[in-house]
Amino acid sequence: NKITNAQYYHFKADEALQKLKSFNIDKVFLDPPRKGLDEIFLKTLVSLEPKRIIYVSCNVATLARDSQYLVSKGYQLKEVTPFDMFPQTSHIESVALFILE
């Protein structure tokens, strides 16, 4: 796609943030499993101070829990958009935008 200002890495989540500490990260896209993010991952993520976090969630309970942590560390929850990707089921995907100001 001729994108020259982005780099993509594929690691296990617990390894990825450790390897990316030396970079100046300004945006992070997250799509965790139903259990959400663990506390060690969240602490490491916050220490990188990305300006924007886009969090895709399939579990509103863990999104709420992780949102509370991010907000307590200075992020503002700007928007949450639900997507009904599985009609006639109770499953909803949500995309949340957090901004560090």
PDB file of N, CA and C in Angstrom:
ATOM      1  N   ASN A   1       0.800  -1.209   0.000  1.00  0.00           N
ATOM      2  CA  ASN A   1       0.000   0.000   0.000  1.00  0.00           C
ATOM      3  C   ASN A   1       0.840   1.270   0.000  1.00  0.00           C
ATOM      4  N   LYS A   2       2.114   1.130  -0.129  1.00  0.00           N
ATOM      5  CA  LYS A   2       3.035   2.261  -0.183  1.00  0.00           C
ATOM      6  C   LYS A   2       2.972   3.141   1.063  1.00  0.00           C
ATOM      7  N   ILE A   3       2.722   2.533   2.198  1.00  0.00           N
ATOM      8  CA  ILE A   3       2.722   3.259   3.474  1.00  0.00           C
ATOM      9  C   ILE A   3       4.156   3.250   3.987  1.00  0.00           C
ATOM     10  N   THR A   4       4.714   4.429   4.185  1.00  0.00           N
ATOM     11  CA  THR A   4       6.114   4.510   4.583  1.00  0.00           C
ATOM     12  C   THR A   4       6.306   5.003   6.012  1.00  0.00           C
ATOM     13  N   ASN A   5       5.240   5.444   6.662  1.00  0.00           N
ATOM     14  CA  ASN A   5       5.386   5.999   8.009  1.00  0.00           C
ATOM     15  C   ASN A   5       4.811   5.085   9.087  1.00  0.00           C
ATOM     16  N   ALA A   6       4.744   3.797   8.821  1.00  0.00           N
ATOM     17  CA  ALA A   6       4.227   2.844   9.803  1.00  0.00           C
ATOM     18  C   ALA A   6       5.112   1.602   9.802  1.00  0.00           C
ATOM     19  N   GLN A   7       5.211   1.000  10.975  1.00  0.00           N
ATOM     20  CA  GLN A   7       5.925  -0.259  11.110  1.00  0.00           C
ATOM     21  C   GLN A   7       4.995  -1.239  11.811  1.00  0.00           C
ATOM     22  N   TYR A   8       5.056  -2.493  11.405  1.00  0.00           N
ATOM     23  CA  TYR A   8       4.189  -3.508  11.968  1.00  0.00           C
ATOM     24  C   TYR A   8       5.040  -4.613  12.577  1.00  0.00           C
ATOM     25  N   TYR A   9       4.653  -5.053  13.774  1.00  0.00           N
ATOM     26  CA  TYR A   9       5.368  -6.108  14.474  1.00  0.00           C
ATOM     27  C   TYR A   9       4.357  -7.144  14.931  1.00  0.00           C
ATOM     28  N   HIS A  10       4.807  -8.367  14.994  1.00  0.00           N
ATOM     29  CA  HIS A  10       3.956  -9.452  15.471  1.00  0.00           C
ATOM     30  C   HIS A  10       4.702 -10.184  16.579  1.00  0.00           C
ATOM     31  N   PHE A  11       4.250  -9.987  17.805  1.00  0.00           N
ATOM     32  CA  PHE A  11       4.839 -10.630  18.972  1.00  0.00           C
ATOM     33  C   PHE A  11       3.715 -11.100  19.881  1.00  0.00           C
ATOM     34  N   LYS A  12       4.049 -11.927  20.840  1.00  0.00           N
ATOM     35  CA  LYS A  12       3.129 -12.172  21.942  1.00  0.00           C
ATOM     36  C   LYS A  12       3.019 -10.862  22.711  1.00  0.00           C
ATOM     37  N   ALA A  13       1.856 -10.585  23.255  1.00  0.00           N
ATOM     38  CA  ALA A  13       1.591  -9.289  23.889  1.00  0.00           C
ATOM     39  C   ALA A  13       2.592  -8.953  24.987  1.00  0.00           C
ATOM     40  N   ASP A  14       2.933  -9.938  25.821  1.00  0.00           N
ATOM     41  CA  ASP A  14       3.839  -9.642  26.928  1.00  0.00           C
ATOM     42  C   ASP A  14       5.256  -9.328  26.441  1.00  0.00           C
ATOM     43  N   GLU A  15       5.624  -9.823  25.270  1.00  0.00           N
ATOM     44  CA  GLU A  15       6.935  -9.538  24.701  1.00  0.00           C
ATOM     45  C   GLU A  15       6.945  -8.232  23.909  1.00  0.00           C
ATOM     46  N   ALA A  16       5.843  -7.921  23.295  1.00  0.00           N
ATOM     47  CA  ALA A  16       5.791  -6.790  22.372  1.00  0.00           C
ATOM     48  C   ALA A  16       6.136  -5.466  23.026  1.00  0.00           C
ATOM     49  N   LEU A  17       5.515  -5.165  24.146  1.00  0.00           N
ATOM     50  CA  LEU A  17       5.749  -3.874  24.772  1.00  0.00           C
ATOM     51  C   LEU A  17       7.176  -3.735  25.267  1.00  0.00           C
ATOM     52  N   GLN A  18       7.755  -4.815  25.749  1.00  0.00           N
ATOM     53  CA  GLN A  18       9.149  -4.772  26.189  1.00  0.00           C
ATOM     54  C   GLN A  18      10.067  -4.434  25.014  1.00  0.00           C
ATOM     55  N   LYS A  19       9.797  -5.025  23.860  1.00  0.00           N
ATOM     56  CA  LYS A  19      10.631  -4.783  22.687  1.00  0.00           C
ATOM     57  C   LYS A  19      10.418  -3.392  22.109  1.00  0.00           C
ATOM     58  N   LEU A  20       9.255  -2.811  22.335  1.00  0.00           N
ATOM     59  CA  LEU A  20       8.935  -1.516  21.740  1.00  0.00           C
ATOM     60  C   LEU A  20       9.258  -0.330  22.642  1.00  0.00           C
ATOM     61  N   LYS A  21       9.791  -0.588  23.821  1.00  0.00           N
ATOM     62  CA  LYS A  21      10.102   0.496  24.752  1.00  0.00           C
ATOM     63  C   LYS A  21      11.079   1.515  24.176  1.00  0.00           C
ATOM     64  N   SER A  22      11.948   1.094  23.283  1.00  0.00           N
ATOM     65  CA  SER A  22      12.942   2.013  22.738  1.00  0.00           C
ATOM     66  C   SER A  22      12.382   2.902  21.622  1.00  0.00           C
ATOM     67  N   PHE A  23      11.155   2.641  21.173  1.00  0.00           N
ATOM     68  CA  PHE A  23      10.537   3.437  20.126  1.00  0.00           C
ATOM     69  C   PHE A  23       9.689   4.550  20.732  1.00  0.00           C
ATOM     70  N   ASN A  24       9.472   5.591  19.956  1.00  0.00           N
ATOM     71  CA  ASN A  24       8.543   6.645  20.352  1.00  0.00           C
ATOM     72  C   ASN A  24       7.166   6.262  19.809  1.00  0.00           C
ATOM     73  N   ILE A  25       6.379   5.608  20.625  1.00  0.00           N
ATOM     74  CA  ILE A  25       5.072   5.093  20.207  1.00  0.00           C
ATOM     75  C   ILE A  25       4.028   6.186  20.397  1.00  0.00           C
ATOM     76  N   ASP A  26       3.281   6.519  19.333  1.00  0.00           N
ATOM     77  CA  ASP A  26       2.248   7.544  19.500  1.00  0.00           C
ATOM     78  C   ASP A  26       0.837   6.975  19.399  1.00  0.00           C
ATOM     79  N   LYS A  27       0.673   5.800  18.784  1.00  0.00           N
ATOM     80  CA  LYS A  27      -0.636   5.157  18.686  1.00  0.00           C
ATOM     81  C   LYS A  27      -0.482   3.658  18.917  1.00  0.00           C
ATOM     82  N   VAL A  28      -1.447   3.092  19.626  1.00  0.00           N
ATOM     83  CA  VAL A  28      -1.460   1.650  19.871  1.00  0.00           C
ATOM     84  C   VAL A  28      -2.862   1.130  19.580  1.00  0.00           C
ATOM     85  N   PHE A  29      -2.938   0.059  18.789  1.00  0.00           N
ATOM     86  CA  PHE A  29      -4.204  -0.618  18.519  1.00  0.00           C
ATOM     87  C   PHE A  29      -4.212  -1.909  19.317  1.00  0.00           C
ATOM     88  N   LEU A  30      -5.258  -2.115  20.100  1.00  0.00           N
ATOM     89  CA  LEU A  30      -5.368  -3.308  20.944  1.00  0.00           C
ATOM     90  C   LEU A  30      -6.629  -4.086  20.589  1.00  0.00           C
ATOM     91  N   ASP A  31      -6.520  -5.391  20.553  1.00  0.00           N
ATOM     92  CA  ASP A  31      -7.670  -6.269  20.368  1.00  0.00           C
ATOM     93  C   ASP A  31      -7.456  -7.492  21.258  1.00  0.00           C
ATOM     94  N   PRO A  32      -7.648  -7.302  22.578  1.00  0.00           N
ATOM     95  CA  PRO A  32      -7.352  -8.390  23.518  1.00  0.00           C
ATOM     96  C   PRO A  32      -8.424  -9.488  23.492  1.00  0.00           C
ATOM     97  N   PRO A  33      -8.114 -10.624  24.114  1.00  0.00           N
ATOM     98  CA  PRO A  33      -9.112 -11.684  24.249  1.00  0.00           C
ATOM     99  C   PRO A  33     -10.221 -11.251  25.212  1.00  0.00           C
ATOM    100  N   ARG A  34     -11.236 -12.070  25.363  1.00  0.00           N
ATOM    101  CA  ARG A  34     -12.379 -11.753  26.225  1.00  0.00           C
ATOM    102  C   ARG A  34     -11.974 -11.363  27.647  1.00  0.00           C
ATOM    103  N   LYS A  35     -10.906 -11.931  28.150  1.00  0.00           N
ATOM    104  CA  LYS A  35     -10.492 -11.637  29.530  1.00  0.00           C
ATOM    105  C   LYS A  35      -9.894 -10.245  29.674  1.00  0.00           C
ATOM    106  N   GLY A  36      -9.706  -9.535  28.562  1.00  0.00           N
ATOM    107  CA  GLY A  36      -9.156  -8.184  28.623  1.00  0.00           C
ATOM    108  C   GLY A  36      -7.650  -8.203  28.798  1.00  0.00           C
ATOM    109  N   LEU A  37      -7.113  -7.083  29.257  1.00  0.00           N
ATOM    110  CA  LEU A  37      -5.672  -6.928  29.430  1.00  0.00           C
ATOM    111  C   LEU A  37      -5.288  -7.206  30.872  1.00  0.00           C
ATOM    112  N   ASP A  38      -4.109  -7.802  31.078  1.00  0.00           N
ATOM    113  CA  ASP A  38      -3.687  -8.015  32.459  1.00  0.00           C
ATOM    114  C   ASP A  38      -2.980  -6.760  32.979  1.00  0.00           C
ATOM    115  N   GLU A  39      -2.814  -6.700  34.280  1.00  0.00           N
ATOM    116  CA  GLU A  39      -2.293  -5.492  34.928  1.00  0.00           C
ATOM    117  C   GLU A  39      -0.858  -5.178  34.500  1.00  0.00           C
ATOM    118  N   ILE A  40      -0.042  -6.194  34.315  1.00  0.00           N
ATOM    119  CA  ILE A  40       1.350  -5.963  33.892  1.00  0.00           C
ATOM    120  C   ILE A  40       1.376  -5.326  32.502  1.00  0.00           C
ATOM    121  N   PHE A  41       0.540  -5.835  31.597  1.00  0.00           N
ATOM    122  CA  PHE A  41       0.469  -5.261  30.260  1.00  0.00           C
ATOM    123  C   PHE A  41       0.009  -3.805  30.327  1.00  0.00           C
ATOM    124  N   LEU A  42      -1.032  -3.537  31.112  1.00  0.00           N
ATOM    125  CA  LEU A  42      -1.539  -2.169  31.236  1.00  0.00           C
ATOM    126  C   LEU A  42      -0.480  -1.226  31.801  1.00  0.00           C
ATOM    127  N   LYS A  43       0.233  -1.659  32.825  1.00  0.00           N
ATOM    128  CA  LYS A  43       1.280  -0.815  33.417  1.00  0.00           C
ATOM    129  C   LYS A  43       2.369  -0.503  32.394  1.00  0.00           C
ATOM    130  N   THR A  44       2.774  -1.513  31.643  1.00  0.00           N
ATOM    131  CA  THR A  44       3.810  -1.301  30.633  1.00  0.00           C
ATOM    132  C   THR A  44       3.293  -0.403  29.523  1.00  0.00           C
ATOM    133  N   LEU A  45       2.066  -0.611  29.094  1.00  0.00           N
ATOM    134  CA  LEU A  45       1.458   0.234  28.062  1.00  0.00           C
ATOM    135  C   LEU A  45       1.449   1.691  28.486  1.00  0.00           C
ATOM    136  N   VAL A  46       0.991   1.960  29.684  1.00  0.00           N
ATOM    137  CA  VAL A  46       0.911   3.332  30.189  1.00  0.00           C
ATOM    138  C   VAL A  46       2.303   3.956  30.292  1.00  0.00           C
ATOM    139  N   SER A  47       3.311   3.151  30.624  1.00  0.00           N
ATOM    140  CA  SER A  47       4.674   3.689  30.745  1.00  0.00           C
ATOM    141  C   SER A  47       5.227   4.148  29.395  1.00  0.00           C
ATOM    142  N   LEU A  48       4.693   3.616  28.281  1.00  0.00           N
ATOM    143  CA  LEU A  48       5.117   4.045  26.945  1.00  0.00           C
ATOM    144  C   LEU A  48       4.517   5.397  26.562  1.00  0.00           C
ATOM    145  N   GLU A  49       3.463   5.801  27.241  1.00  0.00           N
ATOM    146  CA  GLU A  49       2.765   7.066  27.021  1.00  0.00           C
ATOM    147  C   GLU A  49       2.337   7.302  25.572  1.00  0.00           C
ATOM    148  N   PRO A  50       1.678   6.314  24.940  1.00  0.00           N
ATOM    149  CA  PRO A  50       1.169   6.600  23.601  1.00  0.00           C
ATOM    150  C   PRO A  50       0.083   7.666  23.690  1.00  0.00           C
ATOM    151  N   LYS A  51       0.029   8.540  22.691  1.00  0.00           N
ATOM    152  CA  LYS A  51      -0.947   9.635  22.702  1.00  0.00           C
ATOM    153  C   LYS A  51      -2.366   9.131  22.463  1.00  0.00           C
ATOM    154  N   ARG A  52      -2.489   8.053  21.695  1.00  0.00           N
ATOM    155  CA  ARG A  52      -3.810   7.474  21.396  1.00  0.00           C
ATOM    156  C   ARG A  52      -3.771   5.963  21.568  1.00  0.00           C
ATOM    157  N   ILE A  53      -4.827   5.453  22.144  1.00  0.00           N
ATOM    158  CA  ILE A  53      -5.011   4.008  22.252  1.00  0.00           C
ATOM    159  C   ILE A  53      -6.369   3.689  21.650  1.00  0.00           C
ATOM    160  N   ILE A  54      -6.381   2.794  20.682  1.00  0.00           N
ATOM    161  CA  ILE A  54      -7.626   2.313  20.095  1.00  0.00           C
ATOM    162  C   ILE A  54      -7.794   0.885  20.589  1.00  0.00           C
ATOM    163  N   TYR A  55      -8.869   0.672  21.317  1.00  0.00           N
ATOM    164  CA  TYR A  55      -9.092  -0.595  22.020  1.00  0.00           C
ATOM    165  C   TYR A  55     -10.339  -1.254  21.435  1.00  0.00           C
ATOM    166  N   VAL A  56     -10.160  -2.398  20.788  1.00  0.00           N
ATOM    167  CA  VAL A  56     -11.272  -3.178  20.242  1.00  0.00           C
ATOM    168  C   VAL A  56     -11.612  -4.251  21.262  1.00  0.00           C
ATOM    169  N   SER A  57     -12.881  -4.325  21.652  1.00  0.00           N
ATOM    170  CA  SER A  57     -13.255  -5.250  22.715  1.00  0.00           C
ATOM    171  C   SER A  57     -14.486  -6.070  22.335  1.00  0.00           C
ATOM    172  N   CYS A  58     -14.463  -7.327  22.737  1.00  0.00           N
ATOM    173  CA  CYS A  58     -15.628  -8.196  22.553  1.00  0.00           C
ATOM    174  C   CYS A  58     -16.327  -8.457  23.889  1.00  0.00           C
ATOM    175  N   ASN A  59     -15.879  -7.762  24.936  1.00  0.00           N
ATOM    176  CA  ASN A  59     -16.459  -7.965  26.266  1.00  0.00           C
ATOM    177  C   ASN A  59     -16.562  -6.606  26.953  1.00  0.00           C
ATOM    178  N   VAL A  60     -17.775  -6.097  27.084  1.00  0.00           N
ATOM    179  CA  VAL A  60     -17.943  -4.752  27.655  1.00  0.00           C
ATOM    180  C   VAL A  60     -17.499  -4.694  29.116  1.00  0.00           C
ATOM    181  N   ALA A  61     -17.565  -5.794  29.837  1.00  0.00           N
ATOM    182  CA  ALA A  61     -17.140  -5.793  31.242  1.00  0.00           C
ATOM    183  C   ALA A  61     -15.638  -5.573  31.362  1.00  0.00           C
ATOM    184  N   THR A  62     -14.849  -6.267  30.542  1.00  0.00           N
ATOM    185  CA  THR A  62     -13.400  -6.069  30.621  1.00  0.00           C
ATOM    186  C   THR A  62     -12.995  -4.738  30.001  1.00  0.00           C
ATOM    187  N   LEU A  63     -13.739  -4.265  29.009  1.00  0.00           N
ATOM    188  CA  LEU A  63     -13.480  -2.932  28.471  1.00  0.00           C
ATOM    189  C   LEU A  63     -13.700  -1.883  29.558  1.00  0.00           C
ATOM    190  N   ALA A  64     -14.766  -2.018  30.317  1.00  0.00           N
ATOM    191  CA  ALA A  64     -15.036  -1.080  31.418  1.00  0.00           C
ATOM    192  C   ALA A  64     -13.925  -1.130  32.461  1.00  0.00           C
ATOM    193  N   ARG A  65     -13.492  -2.323  32.817  1.00  0.00           N
ATOM    194  CA  ARG A  65     -12.424  -2.469  33.810  1.00  0.00           C
ATOM    195  C   ARG A  65     -11.121  -1.839  33.326  1.00  0.00           C
ATOM    196  N   ASP A  66     -10.733  -2.162  32.092  1.00  0.00           N
ATOM    197  CA  ASP A  66      -9.488  -1.629  31.550  1.00  0.00           C
ATOM    198  C   ASP A  66      -9.589  -0.123  31.308  1.00  0.00           C
ATOM    199  N   SER A  67     -10.766   0.354  30.947  1.00  0.00           N
ATOM    200  CA  SER A  67     -10.988   1.792  30.766  1.00  0.00           C
ATOM    201  C   SER A  67     -10.778   2.535  32.071  1.00  0.00           C
ATOM    202  N   GLN A  68     -11.276   1.971  33.144  1.00  0.00           N
ATOM    203  CA  GLN A  68     -11.110   2.595  34.457  1.00  0.00           C
ATOM    204  C   GLN A  68      -9.627   2.750  34.783  1.00  0.00           C
ATOM    205  N   TYR A  69      -8.838   1.743  34.494  1.00  0.00           N
ATOM    206  CA  TYR A  69      -7.399   1.819  34.747  1.00  0.00           C
ATOM    207  C   TYR A  69      -6.755   2.912  33.888  1.00  0.00           C
ATOM    208  N   LEU A  70      -7.051   2.910  32.596  1.00  0.00           N
ATOM    209  CA  LEU A  70      -6.447   3.894  31.700  1.00  0.00           C
ATOM    210  C   LEU A  70      -6.831   5.323  32.081  1.00  0.00           C
ATOM    211  N   VAL A  71      -8.077   5.525  32.439  1.00  0.00           N
ATOM    212  CA  VAL A  71      -8.532   6.858  32.856  1.00  0.00           C
ATOM    213  C   VAL A  71      -7.821   7.280  34.140  1.00  0.00           C
ATOM    214  N   SER A  72      -7.602   6.347  35.045  1.00  0.00           N
ATOM    215  CA  SER A  72      -6.908   6.679  36.295  1.00  0.00           C
ATOM    216  C   SER A  72      -5.451   7.068  36.058  1.00  0.00           C
ATOM    217  N   LYS A  73      -4.915   6.718  34.878  1.00  0.00           N
ATOM    218  CA  LYS A  73      -3.525   7.034  34.545  1.00  0.00           C
ATOM    219  C   LYS A  73      -3.411   8.227  33.594  1.00  0.00           C
ATOM    220  N   GLY A  74      -4.490   8.982  33.443  1.00  0.00           N
ATOM    221  CA  GLY A  74      -4.425  10.219  32.671  1.00  0.00           C
ATOM    222  C   GLY A  74      -5.013  10.176  31.276  1.00  0.00           C
ATOM    223  N   TYR A  75      -5.525   9.037  30.857  1.00  0.00           N
ATOM    224  CA  TYR A  75      -6.156   8.953  29.536  1.00  0.00           C
ATOM    225  C   TYR A  75      -7.605   9.401  29.630  1.00  0.00           C
ATOM    226  N   GLN A  76      -8.080  10.018  28.567  1.00  0.00           N
ATOM    227  CA  GLN A  76      -9.485  10.388  28.481  1.00  0.00           C
ATOM    228  C   GLN A  76     -10.169   9.461  27.488  1.00  0.00           C
ATOM    229  N   LEU A  77     -11.293   8.916  27.903  1.00  0.00           N
ATOM    230  CA  LEU A  77     -12.086   8.089  27.014  1.00  0.00           C
ATOM    231  C   LEU A  77     -12.917   9.034  26.157  1.00  0.00           C
ATOM    232  N   LYS A  78     -12.566   9.162  24.886  1.00  0.00           N
ATOM    233  CA  LYS A  78     -13.217  10.126  23.997  1.00  0.00           C
ATOM    234  C   LYS A  78     -14.445   9.568  23.309  1.00  0.00           C
ATOM    235  N   GLU A  79     -14.403   8.279  22.987  1.00  0.00           N
ATOM    236  CA  GLU A  79     -15.518   7.729  22.210  1.00  0.00           C
ATOM    237  C   GLU A  79     -15.538   6.213  22.338  1.00  0.00           C
ATOM    238  N   VAL A  80     -16.739   5.665  22.384  1.00  0.00           N
ATOM    239  CA  VAL A  80     -16.925   4.214  22.311  1.00  0.00           C
ATOM    240  C   VAL A  80     -18.017   3.966  21.281  1.00  0.00           C
ATOM    241  N   THR A  81     -17.719   3.122  20.314  1.00  0.00           N
ATOM    242  CA  THR A  81     -18.688   2.805  19.270  1.00  0.00           C
ATOM    243  C   THR A  81     -18.958   1.306  19.290  1.00  0.00           C
ATOM    244  N   PRO A  82     -20.214   0.908  19.525  1.00  0.00           N
ATOM    245  CA  PRO A  82     -20.547  -0.524  19.491  1.00  0.00           C
ATOM    246  C   PRO A  82     -20.835  -0.978  18.058  1.00  0.00           C
ATOM    247  N   PHE A  83     -20.483  -2.217  17.769  1.00  0.00           N
ATOM    248  CA  PHE A  83     -20.750  -2.818  16.472  1.00  0.00           C
ATOM    249  C   PHE A  83     -21.436  -4.157  16.683  1.00  0.00           C
ATOM    250  N   ASP A  84     -22.606  -4.315  16.100  1.00  0.00           N
ATOM    251  CA  ASP A  84     -23.325  -5.579  16.187  1.00  0.00           C
ATOM    252  C   ASP A  84     -22.892  -6.455  15.020  1.00  0.00           C
ATOM    253  N   MET A  85     -21.798  -7.150  15.220  1.00  0.00           N
ATOM    254  CA  MET A  85     -21.237  -7.972  14.151  1.00  0.00           C
ATOM    255  C   MET A  85     -21.810  -9.383  14.135  1.00  0.00           C
ATOM    256  N   PHE A  86     -22.564  -9.721  15.158  1.00  0.00           N
ATOM    257  CA  PHE A  86     -23.135 -11.062  15.269  1.00  0.00           C
ATOM    258  C   PHE A  86     -24.636 -10.919  15.509  1.00  0.00           C
ATOM    259  N   PRO A  87     -25.401 -10.593  14.476  1.00  0.00           N
ATOM    260  CA  PRO A  87     -26.832 -10.346  14.638  1.00  0.00           C
ATOM    261  C   PRO A  87     -27.555 -11.502  15.328  1.00  0.00           C
ATOM    262  N   GLN A  88     -28.531 -11.123  16.104  1.00  0.00           N
ATOM    263  CA  GLN A  88     -29.402 -12.046  16.819  1.00  0.00           C
ATOM    264  C   GLN A  88     -28.648 -12.867  17.856  1.00  0.00           C
ATOM    265  N   THR A  89     -27.545 -12.307  18.356  1.00  0.00           N
ATOM    266  CA  THR A  89     -26.848 -12.862  19.515  1.00  0.00           C
ATOM    267  C   THR A  89     -26.632 -11.706  20.486  1.00  0.00           C
ATOM    268  N   SER A  90     -26.158 -12.003  21.658  1.00  0.00           N
ATOM    269  CA  SER A  90     -25.907 -10.946  22.647  1.00  0.00           C
ATOM    270  C   SER A  90     -24.498 -10.366  22.529  1.00  0.00           C
ATOM    271  N   HIS A  91     -23.718 -10.814  21.550  1.00  0.00           N
ATOM    272  CA  HIS A  91     -22.330 -10.383  21.425  1.00  0.00           C
ATOM    273  C   HIS A  91     -22.214  -9.060  20.664  1.00  0.00           C
ATOM    274  N   ILE A  92     -21.525  -8.128  21.277  1.00  0.00           N
ATOM    275  CA  ILE A  92     -21.295  -6.810  20.686  1.00  0.00           C
ATOM    276  C   ILE A  92     -19.793  -6.524  20.711  1.00  0.00           C
ATOM    277  N   GLU A  93     -19.243  -6.082  19.603  1.00  0.00           N
ATOM    278  CA  GLU A  93     -17.871  -5.587  19.558  1.00  0.00           C
ATOM    279  C   GLU A  93     -17.926  -4.086  19.827  1.00  0.00           C
ATOM    280  N   SER A  94     -16.946  -3.572  20.524  1.00  0.00           N
ATOM    281  CA  SER A  94     -16.865  -2.140  20.792  1.00  0.00           C
ATOM    282  C   SER A  94     -15.471  -1.653  20.444  1.00  0.00           C
ATOM    283  N   VAL A  95     -15.409  -0.423  19.947  1.00  0.00           N
ATOM    284  CA  VAL A  95     -14.124   0.210  19.669  1.00  0.00           C
ATOM    285  C   VAL A  95     -14.086   1.490  20.500  1.00  0.00           C
ATOM    286  N   ALA A  96     -13.059   1.599  21.338  1.00  0.00           N
ATOM    287  CA  ALA A  96     -12.921   2.757  22.235  1.00  0.00           C
ATOM    288  C   ALA A  96     -11.659   3.524  21.856  1.00  0.00           C
ATOM    289  N   LEU A  97     -11.764   4.848  21.955  1.00  0.00           N
ATOM    290  CA  LEU A  97     -10.622   5.723  21.702  1.00  0.00           C
ATOM    291  C   LEU A  97     -10.229   6.437  22.985  1.00  0.00           C
ATOM    292  N   PHE A  98      -8.976   6.254  23.378  1.00  0.00           N
ATOM    293  CA  PHE A  98      -8.414   6.929  24.556  1.00  0.00           C
ATOM    294  C   PHE A  98      -7.342   7.886  24.081  1.00  0.00           C
ATOM    295  N   ILE A  99      -7.325   9.082  24.662  1.00  0.00           N
ATOM    296  CA  ILE A  99      -6.334  10.082  24.316  1.00  0.00           C
ATOM    297  C   ILE A  99      -5.633  10.558  25.574  1.00  0.00           C
ATOM    298  N   LEU A 100      -4.308  10.636  25.496  1.00  0.00           N
ATOM    299  CA  LEU A 100      -3.502  11.160  26.594  1.00  0.00           C
ATOM    300  C   LEU A 100      -3.287  12.646  26.348  1.00  0.00           C
ATOM    301  N   GLU A 101      -3.796  13.461  27.266  1.00  0.00           N
ATOM    302  CA  GLU A 101      -3.664  14.914  27.094  1.00  0.00           C
ATOM    303  C   GLU A 101      -2.859  15.505  28.218  1.00  0.00           C
TER     304      GLU A 101
END
